[in-house]
Amino acid sequence: MILLLQEEIDNYETFSAWFNGEAVPKIEAAGGRVLVQGVESDNEKMLHLVMETPDEDTVAAFMSDEQFTADRVAAGVHVGTTKVTFLKS
């Protein structure tokens, strides 16, 4: 299943250091992978991630995990802005 995740962040370098070092290994261990990661060229505070996951339940488990959410906040994610869109291919 492919999904697009969009959210506001404070700083892309700070986010990327956490995301690539800590989150990506957890995502891969759950059977997912990151296909595209970046910010808008005219708004570096708007993050876009395109990921592949086994199913919607895997995403829901990450999004409801209190420690994962706390880690996202510590990495500068404005969790109230997160939008997840599941895509058909």
PDB file of N, CA and C in Angstrom:
ATOM      1  N   MET A   1       0.844  -1.166   0.000  1.00  0.00           N
ATOM      2  CA  MET A   1       0.000   0.000   0.000  1.00  0.00           C
ATOM      3  C   MET A   1       0.895   1.237   0.000  1.00  0.00           C
ATOM      4  N   ILE A   2       0.603   2.178  -0.886  1.00  0.00           N
ATOM      5  CA  ILE A   2       1.376   3.415  -0.994  1.00  0.00           C
ATOM      6  C   ILE A   2       0.614   4.533  -0.278  1.00  0.00           C
ATOM      7  N   LEU A   3       1.356   5.369   0.445  1.00  0.00           N
ATOM      8  CA  LEU A   3       0.721   6.491   1.117  1.00  0.00           C
ATOM      9  C   LEU A   3       1.557   7.745   0.954  1.00  0.00           C
ATOM     10  N   LEU A   4       0.864   8.868   0.999  1.00  0.00           N
ATOM     11  CA  LEU A   4       1.487  10.187   1.005  1.00  0.00           C
ATOM     12  C   LEU A   4       1.243  10.768   2.384  1.00  0.00           C
ATOM     13  N   LEU A   5       2.310  11.165   3.055  1.00  0.00           N
ATOM     14  CA  LEU A   5       2.211  11.814   4.358  1.00  0.00           C
ATOM     15  C   LEU A   5       2.718  13.240   4.209  1.00  0.00           C
ATOM     16  N   GLN A   6       1.928  14.189   4.682  1.00  0.00           N
ATOM     17  CA  GLN A   6       2.300  15.603   4.626  1.00  0.00           C
ATOM     18  C   GLN A   6       2.166  16.167   6.035  1.00  0.00           C
ATOM     19  N   GLU A   7       3.153  16.970   6.443  1.00  0.00           N
ATOM     20  CA  GLU A   7       3.080  17.607   7.754  1.00  0.00           C
ATOM     21  C   GLU A   7       4.077  18.744   7.824  1.00  0.00           C
ATOM     22  N   GLU A   8       3.804  19.672   8.739  1.00  0.00           N
ATOM     23  CA  GLU A   8       4.714  20.780   8.964  1.00  0.00           C
ATOM     24  C   GLU A   8       5.805  20.360   9.941  1.00  0.00           C
ATOM     25  N   ILE A   9       7.011  20.869   9.685  1.00  0.00           N
ATOM     26  CA  ILE A   9       8.153  20.593  10.549  1.00  0.00           C
ATOM     27  C   ILE A   9       8.884  21.894  10.831  1.00  0.00           C
ATOM     28  N   ASP A  10       9.722  21.877  11.854  1.00  0.00           N
ATOM     29  CA  ASP A  10      10.505  23.065  12.193  1.00  0.00           C
ATOM     30  C   ASP A  10      11.733  23.212  11.310  1.00  0.00           C
ATOM     31  N   ASN A  11      12.451  22.092  11.096  1.00  0.00           N
ATOM     32  CA  ASN A  11      13.730  22.153  10.399  1.00  0.00           C
ATOM     33  C   ASN A  11      13.967  20.817   9.698  1.00  0.00           C
ATOM     34  N   TYR A  12      14.204  20.864   8.395  1.00  0.00           N
ATOM     35  CA  TYR A  12      14.349  19.623   7.623  1.00  0.00           C
ATOM     36  C   TYR A  12      15.594  18.827   8.020  1.00  0.00           C
ATOM     37  N   GLU A  13      16.694  19.497   8.290  1.00  0.00           N
ATOM     38  CA  GLU A  13      17.914  18.780   8.680  1.00  0.00           C
ATOM     39  C   GLU A  13      17.720  18.029   9.991  1.00  0.00           C
ATOM     40  N   THR A  14      17.098  18.682  10.964  1.00  0.00           N
ATOM     41  CA  THR A  14      16.831  18.039  12.254  1.00  0.00           C
ATOM     42  C   THR A  14      15.895  16.855  12.077  1.00  0.00           C
ATOM     43  N   PHE A  15      14.824  17.069  11.314  1.00  0.00           N
ATOM     44  CA  PHE A  15      13.877  15.987  11.058  1.00  0.00           C
ATOM     45  C   PHE A  15      14.570  14.816  10.364  1.00  0.00           C
ATOM     46  N   SER A  16      15.332  15.102   9.313  1.00  0.00           N
ATOM     47  CA  SER A  16      15.978  14.043   8.535  1.00  0.00           C
ATOM     48  C   SER A  16      16.945  13.219   9.373  1.00  0.00           C
ATOM     49  N   ALA A  17      17.694  13.884  10.258  1.00  0.00           N
ATOM     50  CA  ALA A  17      18.625  13.151  11.117  1.00  0.00           C
ATOM     51  C   ALA A  17      17.874  12.139  11.970  1.00  0.00           C
ATOM     52  N   TRP A  18      16.769  12.562  12.568  1.00  0.00           N
ATOM     53  CA  TRP A  18      15.971  11.628  13.373  1.00  0.00           C
ATOM     54  C   TRP A  18      15.304  10.585  12.483  1.00  0.00           C
ATOM     55  N   PHE A  19      14.633  11.028  11.433  1.00  0.00           N
ATOM     56  CA  PHE A  19      13.839  10.132  10.608  1.00  0.00           C
ATOM     57  C   PHE A  19      14.690   9.036   9.984  1.00  0.00           C
ATOM     58  N   ASN A  20      15.794   9.424   9.351  1.00  0.00           N
ATOM     59  CA  ASN A  20      16.640   8.433   8.677  1.00  0.00           C
ATOM     60  C   ASN A  20      17.402   7.552   9.658  1.00  0.00           C
ATOM     61  N   GLY A  21      17.763   8.113  10.818  1.00  0.00           N
ATOM     62  CA  GLY A  21      18.528   7.339  11.789  1.00  0.00           C
ATOM     63  C   GLY A  21      17.708   6.444  12.687  1.00  0.00           C
ATOM     64  N   GLU A  22      16.487   6.876  13.015  1.00  0.00           N
ATOM     65  CA  GLU A  22      15.681   6.124  13.968  1.00  0.00           C
ATOM     66  C   GLU A  22      14.364   5.590  13.397  1.00  0.00           C
ATOM     67  N   ALA A  23      13.631   6.437  12.685  1.00  0.00           N
ATOM     68  CA  ALA A  23      12.311   6.026  12.212  1.00  0.00           C
ATOM     69  C   ALA A  23      12.377   5.046  11.049  1.00  0.00           C
ATOM     70  N   VAL A  24      13.235   5.311  10.077  1.00  0.00           N
ATOM     71  CA  VAL A  24      13.303   4.443   8.897  1.00  0.00           C
ATOM     72  C   VAL A  24      13.610   2.989   9.276  1.00  0.00           C
ATOM     73  N   PRO A  25      14.569   2.712  10.171  1.00  0.00           N
ATOM     74  CA  PRO A  25      14.780   1.313  10.552  1.00  0.00           C
ATOM     75  C   PRO A  25      13.528   0.664  11.165  1.00  0.00           C
ATOM     76  N   LYS A  26      12.749   1.424  11.934  1.00  0.00           N
ATOM     77  CA  LYS A  26      11.505   0.887  12.515  1.00  0.00           C
ATOM     78  C   LYS A  26      10.466   0.644  11.424  1.00  0.00           C
ATOM     79  N   ILE A  27      10.372   1.560  10.485  1.00  0.00           N
ATOM     80  CA  ILE A  27       9.431   1.403   9.374  1.00  0.00           C
ATOM     81  C   ILE A  27       9.797   0.174   8.548  1.00  0.00           C
ATOM     82  N   GLU A  28      11.087   0.014   8.263  1.00  0.00           N
ATOM     83  CA  GLU A  28      11.537  -1.146   7.487  1.00  0.00           C
ATOM     84  C   GLU A  28      11.317  -2.453   8.248  1.00  0.00           C
ATOM     85  N   ALA A  29      11.523  -2.437   9.561  1.00  0.00           N
ATOM     86  CA  ALA A  29      11.295  -3.634  10.373  1.00  0.00           C
ATOM     87  C   ALA A  29       9.821  -4.040  10.361  1.00  0.00           C
ATOM     88  N   ALA A  30       8.925  -3.071  10.159  1.00  0.00           N
ATOM     89  CA  ALA A  30       7.492  -3.350  10.094  1.00  0.00           C
ATOM     90  C   ALA A  30       7.035  -3.708   8.677  1.00  0.00           C
ATOM     91  N   GLY A  31       7.987  -3.809   7.740  1.00  0.00           N
ATOM     92  CA  GLY A  31       7.659  -4.202   6.377  1.00  0.00           C
ATOM     93  C   GLY A  31       7.411  -3.048   5.424  1.00  0.00           C
ATOM     94  N   GLY A  32       7.742  -1.828   5.861  1.00  0.00           N
ATOM     95  CA  GLY A  32       7.536  -0.664   5.007  1.00  0.00           C
ATOM     96  C   GLY A  32       8.831  -0.156   4.427  1.00  0.00           C
ATOM     97  N   ARG A  33       8.710   0.848   3.572  1.00  0.00           N
ATOM     98  CA  ARG A  33       9.904   1.511   3.064  1.00  0.00           C
ATOM     99  C   ARG A  33       9.546   2.913   2.597  1.00  0.00           C
ATOM    100  N   VAL A  34      10.526   3.782   2.652  1.00  0.00           N
ATOM    101  CA  VAL A  34      10.360   5.171   2.233  1.00  0.00           C
ATOM    102  C   VAL A  34      10.764   5.262   0.770  1.00  0.00           C
ATOM    103  N   LEU A  35       9.870   5.786  -0.049  1.00  0.00           N
ATOM    104  CA  LEU A  35      10.137   5.917  -1.473  1.00  0.00           C
ATOM    105  C   LEU A  35      10.636   7.312  -1.831  1.00  0.00           C
ATOM    106  N   VAL A  36      10.051   8.340  -1.224  1.00  0.00           N
ATOM    107  CA  VAL A  36      10.431   9.729  -1.495  1.00  0.00           C
ATOM    108  C   VAL A  36      10.322  10.509  -0.192  1.00  0.00           C
ATOM    109  N   GLN A  37      11.302  11.372   0.033  1.00  0.00           N
ATOM    110  CA  GLN A  37      11.314  12.223   1.221  1.00  0.00           C
ATOM    111  C   GLN A  37      11.806  13.597   0.808  1.00  0.00           C
ATOM    112  N   GLY A  38      11.051  14.645   1.153  1.00  0.00           N
ATOM    113  CA  GLY A  38      11.510  15.984   0.825  1.00  0.00           C
ATOM    114  C   GLY A  38      10.558  17.053   1.323  1.00  0.00           C
ATOM    115  N   VAL A  39      11.001  18.294   1.180  1.00  0.00           N
ATOM    116  CA  VAL A  39      10.185  19.448   1.532  1.00  0.00           C
ATOM    117  C   VAL A  39       9.890  20.242   0.261  1.00  0.00           C
ATOM    118  N   GLU A  40       8.883  21.078   0.336  1.00  0.00           N
ATOM    119  CA  GLU A  40       8.525  21.901  -0.813  1.00  0.00           C
ATOM    120  C   GLU A  40       9.640  22.895  -1.096  1.00  0.00           C
ATOM    121  N   SER A  41       9.891  23.160  -2.359  1.00  0.00           N
ATOM    122  CA  SER A  41      10.974  24.074  -2.734  1.00  0.00           C
ATOM    123  C   SER A  41      10.722  25.502  -2.257  1.00  0.00           C
ATOM    124  N   ASP A  42       9.472  25.895  -2.144  1.00  0.00           N
ATOM    125  CA  ASP A  42       9.165  27.251  -1.693  1.00  0.00           C
ATOM    126  C   ASP A  42       8.648  27.306  -0.249  1.00  0.00           C
ATOM    127  N   ASN A  43       8.649  26.170   0.431  1.00  0.00           N
ATOM    128  CA  ASN A  43       8.226  26.116   1.837  1.00  0.00           C
ATOM    129  C   ASN A  43       8.930  24.938   2.510  1.00  0.00           C
ATOM    130  N   GLU A  44      10.103  25.191   3.037  1.00  0.00           N
ATOM    131  CA  GLU A  44      10.914  24.110   3.617  1.00  0.00           C
ATOM    132  C   GLU A  44      10.376  23.590   4.939  1.00  0.00           C
ATOM    133  N   LYS A  45       9.257  24.115   5.372  1.00  0.00           N
ATOM    134  CA  LYS A  45       8.618  23.615   6.587  1.00  0.00           C
ATOM    135  C   LYS A  45       7.477  22.638   6.279  1.00  0.00           C
ATOM    136  N   MET A  46       7.212  22.400   4.982  1.00  0.00           N
ATOM    137  CA  MET A  46       6.167  21.457   4.601  1.00  0.00           C
ATOM    138  C   MET A  46       6.815  20.192   4.042  1.00  0.00           C
ATOM    139  N   LEU A  47       6.743  19.139   4.847  1.00  0.00           N
ATOM    140  CA  LEU A  47       7.354  17.852   4.526  1.00  0.00           C
ATOM    141  C   LEU A  47       6.390  16.982   3.737  1.00  0.00           C
ATOM    142  N   HIS A  48       6.940  16.230   2.795  1.00  0.00           N
ATOM    143  CA  HIS A  48       6.175  15.234   2.044  1.00  0.00           C
ATOM    144  C   HIS A  48       6.962  13.923   2.086  1.00  0.00           C
ATOM    145  N   LEU A  49       6.283  12.858   2.442  1.00  0.00           N
ATOM    146  CA  LEU A  49       6.868  11.519   2.423  1.00  0.00           C
ATOM    147  C   LEU A  49       5.961  10.621   1.592  1.00  0.00           C
ATOM    148  N   VAL A  50       6.542   9.843   0.711  1.00  0.00           N
ATOM    149  CA  VAL A  50       5.809   8.807   0.008  1.00  0.00           C
ATOM    150  C   VAL A  50       6.406   7.498   0.499  1.00  0.00           C
ATOM    151  N   MET A  51       5.532   6.654   1.050  1.00  0.00           N
ATOM    152  CA  MET A  51       6.005   5.403   1.640  1.00  0.00           C
ATOM    153  C   MET A  51       5.149   4.233   1.179  1.00  0.00           C
ATOM    154  N   GLU A  52       5.729   3.075   1.305  1.00  0.00           N
ATOM    155  CA  GLU A  52       5.018   1.835   1.037  1.00  0.00           C
ATOM    156  C   GLU A  52       4.920   1.087   2.364  1.00  0.00           C
ATOM    157  N   THR A  53       3.728   0.604   2.689  1.00  0.00           N
ATOM    158  CA  THR A  53       3.521  -0.146   3.923  1.00  0.00           C
ATOM    159  C   THR A  53       2.687  -1.383   3.622  1.00  0.00           C
ATOM    160  N   PRO A  54       2.766  -2.381   4.501  1.00  0.00           N
ATOM    161  CA  PRO A  54       1.977  -3.595   4.256  1.00  0.00           C
ATOM    162  C   PRO A  54       0.468  -3.327   4.217  1.00  0.00           C
ATOM    163  N   ASP A  55      -0.016  -2.415   5.085  1.00  0.00           N
ATOM    164  CA  ASP A  55      -1.457  -2.149   5.159  1.00  0.00           C
ATOM    165  C   ASP A  55      -1.708  -0.900   6.011  1.00  0.00           C
ATOM    166  N   GLU A  56      -2.959  -0.475   6.054  1.00  0.00           N
ATOM    167  CA  GLU A  56      -3.322   0.707   6.828  1.00  0.00           C
ATOM    168  C   GLU A  56      -3.120   0.495   8.328  1.00  0.00           C
ATOM    169  N   ASP A  57      -3.271  -0.737   8.798  1.00  0.00           N
ATOM    170  CA  ASP A  57      -3.099  -1.024  10.223  1.00  0.00           C
ATOM    171  C   ASP A  57      -1.672  -0.741  10.685  1.00  0.00           C
ATOM    172  N   THR A  58      -0.697  -0.980   9.818  1.00  0.00           N
ATOM    173  CA  THR A  58       0.698  -0.695  10.154  1.00  0.00           C
ATOM    174  C   THR A  58       0.884   0.800  10.391  1.00  0.00           C
ATOM    175  N   VAL A  59       0.293   1.608   9.527  1.00  0.00           N
ATOM    176  CA  VAL A  59       0.381   3.065   9.675  1.00  0.00           C
ATOM    177  C   VAL A  59      -0.333   3.495  10.955  1.00  0.00           C
ATOM    178  N   ALA A  60      -1.507   2.950  11.197  1.00  0.00           N
ATOM    179  CA  ALA A  60      -2.270   3.302  12.394  1.00  0.00           C
ATOM    180  C   ALA A  60      -1.488   2.962  13.660  1.00  0.00           C
ATOM    181  N   ALA A  61      -0.777   1.854  13.645  1.00  0.00           N
ATOM    182  CA  ALA A  61       0.021   1.466  14.819  1.00  0.00           C
ATOM    183  C   ALA A  61       1.122   2.484  15.095  1.00  0.00           C
ATOM    184  N   PHE A  62       1.797   2.948  14.054  1.00  0.00           N
ATOM    185  CA  PHE A  62       2.831   3.967  14.235  1.00  0.00           C
ATOM    186  C   PHE A  62       2.222   5.272  14.740  1.00  0.00           C
ATOM    187  N   MET A  63       1.118   5.684  14.137  1.00  0.00           N
ATOM    188  CA  MET A  63       0.527   6.974  14.476  1.00  0.00           C
ATOM    189  C   MET A  63      -0.088   6.998  15.871  1.00  0.00           C
ATOM    190  N   SER A  64      -0.429   5.841  16.406  1.00  0.00           N
ATOM    191  CA  SER A  64      -1.014   5.793  17.749  1.00  0.00           C
ATOM    192  C   SER A  64       0.014   5.455  18.829  1.00  0.00           C
ATOM    193  N   ASP A  65       1.248   5.181  18.430  1.00  0.00           N
ATOM    194  CA  ASP A  65       2.307   4.856  19.381  1.00  0.00           C
ATOM    195  C   ASP A  65       2.775   6.135  20.085  1.00  0.00           C
ATOM    196  N   GLU A  66       2.579   6.187  21.407  1.00  0.00           N
ATOM    197  CA  GLU A  66       2.904   7.402  22.164  1.00  0.00           C
ATOM    198  C   GLU A  66       4.383   7.763  22.101  1.00  0.00           C
ATOM    199  N   GLN A  67       5.267   6.781  22.175  1.00  0.00           N
ATOM    200  CA  GLN A  67       6.699   7.069  22.123  1.00  0.00           C
ATOM    201  C   GLN A  67       7.113   7.562  20.743  1.00  0.00           C
ATOM    202  N   PHE A  68       6.566   6.940  19.692  1.00  0.00           N
ATOM    203  CA  PHE A  68       6.870   7.376  18.332  1.00  0.00           C
ATOM    204  C   PHE A  68       6.390   8.812  18.120  1.00  0.00           C
ATOM    205  N   THR A  69       5.214   9.131  18.654  1.00  0.00           N
ATOM    206  CA  THR A  69       4.692  10.496  18.551  1.00  0.00           C
ATOM    207  C   THR A  69       5.585  11.475  19.303  1.00  0.00           C
ATOM    208  N   ALA A  70       6.019  11.106  20.502  1.00  0.00           N
ATOM    209  CA  ALA A  70       6.918  11.970  21.276  1.00  0.00           C
ATOM    210  C   ALA A  70       8.236  12.182  20.535  1.00  0.00           C
ATOM    211  N   ASP A  71       8.737  11.146  19.893  1.00  0.00           N
ATOM    212  CA  ASP A  71       9.972  11.254  19.108  1.00  0.00           C
ATOM    213  C   ASP A  71       9.770  12.188  17.911  1.00  0.00           C
ATOM    214  N   ARG A  72       8.617  12.106  17.268  1.00  0.00           N
ATOM    215  CA  ARG A  72       8.313  12.992  16.144  1.00  0.00           C
ATOM    216  C   ARG A  72       8.275  14.445  16.599  1.00  0.00           C
ATOM    217  N   VAL A  73       7.621  14.677  17.735  1.00  0.00           N
ATOM    218  CA  VAL A  73       7.540  16.042  18.276  1.00  0.00           C
ATOM    219  C   VAL A  73       8.939  16.555  18.599  1.00  0.00           C
ATOM    220  N   ALA A  74       9.771  15.710  19.212  1.00  0.00           N
ATOM    221  CA  ALA A  74      11.143  16.104  19.544  1.00  0.00           C
ATOM    222  C   ALA A  74      11.958  16.416  18.288  1.00  0.00           C
ATOM    223  N   ALA A  75      11.599  15.797  17.159  1.00  0.00           N
ATOM    224  CA  ALA A  75      12.285  16.041  15.890  1.00  0.00           C
ATOM    225  C   ALA A  75      11.726  17.261  15.163  1.00  0.00           C
ATOM    226  N   GLY A  76      10.752  17.941  15.782  1.00  0.00           N
ATOM    227  CA  GLY A  76      10.228  19.168  15.201  1.00  0.00           C
ATOM    228  C   GLY A  76       8.981  19.023  14.357  1.00  0.00           C
ATOM    229  N   VAL A  77       8.302  17.875  14.457  1.00  0.00           N
ATOM    230  CA  VAL A  77       7.075  17.672  13.690  1.00  0.00           C
ATOM    231  C   VAL A  77       5.903  18.323  14.426  1.00  0.00           C
ATOM    232  N   HIS A  78       5.093  19.042  13.697  1.00  0.00           N
ATOM    233  CA  HIS A  78       3.848  19.605  14.229  1.00  0.00           C
ATOM    234  C   HIS A  78       2.766  18.552  13.983  1.00  0.00           C
ATOM    235  N   VAL A  79       2.622  17.630  14.937  1.00  0.00           N
ATOM    236  CA  VAL A  79       1.786  16.448  14.716  1.00  0.00           C
ATOM    237  C   VAL A  79       0.324  16.776  14.414  1.00  0.00           C
ATOM    238  N   GLY A  80      -0.138  17.932  14.825  1.00  0.00           N
ATOM    239  CA  GLY A  80      -1.509  18.324  14.524  1.00  0.00           C
ATOM    240  C   GLY A  80      -1.744  18.654  13.064  1.00  0.00           C
ATOM    241  N   THR A  81      -0.671  18.780  12.293  1.00  0.00           N
ATOM    242  CA  THR A  81      -0.788  19.118  10.868  1.00  0.00           C
ATOM    243  C   THR A  81      -0.682  17.896   9.965  1.00  0.00           C
ATOM    244  N   THR A  82      -0.454  16.732  10.546  1.00  0.00           N
ATOM    245  CA  THR A  82      -0.211  15.526   9.752  1.00  0.00           C
ATOM    246  C   THR A  82      -1.437  15.110   8.965  1.00  0.00           C
ATOM    247  N   LYS A  83      -1.211  14.867   7.686  1.00  0.00           N
ATOM    248  CA  LYS A  83      -2.265  14.372   6.789  1.00  0.00           C
ATOM    249  C   LYS A  83      -1.717  13.142   6.071  1.00  0.00           C
ATOM    250  N   VAL A  84      -2.440  12.036   6.183  1.00  0.00           N
ATOM    251  CA  VAL A  84      -2.057  10.791   5.515  1.00  0.00           C
ATOM    252  C   VAL A  84      -3.101  10.483   4.446  1.00  0.00           C
ATOM    253  N   THR A  85      -2.625  10.255   3.231  1.00  0.00           N
ATOM    254  CA  THR A  85      -3.498   9.912   2.113  1.00  0.00           C
ATOM    255  C   THR A  85      -3.035   8.575   1.543  1.00  0.00           C
ATOM    256  N   PHE A  86      -3.927   7.590   1.530  1.00  0.00           N
ATOM    257  CA  PHE A  86      -3.616   6.300   0.935  1.00  0.00           C
ATOM    258  C   PHE A  86      -3.924   6.366  -0.557  1.00  0.00           C
ATOM    259  N   LEU A  87      -2.987   5.902  -1.373  1.00  0.00           N
ATOM    260  CA  LEU A  87      -3.099   6.023  -2.823  1.00  0.00           C
ATOM    261  C   LEU A  87      -3.395   4.682  -3.471  1.00  0.00           C
ATOM    262  N   LYS A  88      -4.211   4.719  -4.510  1.00  0.00           N
ATOM    263  CA  LYS A  88      -4.416   3.546  -5.342  1.00  0.00           C
ATOM    264  C   LYS A  88      -3.388   3.577  -6.450  1.00  0.00           C
ATOM    265  N   SER A  89      -2.901   2.427  -6.832  1.00  0.00           N
ATOM    266  CA  SER A  89      -1.930   2.405  -7.929  1.00  0.00           C
ATOM    267  C   SER A  89      -2.441   1.593  -9.089  1.00  0.00           C
TER     268      SER A  89
END
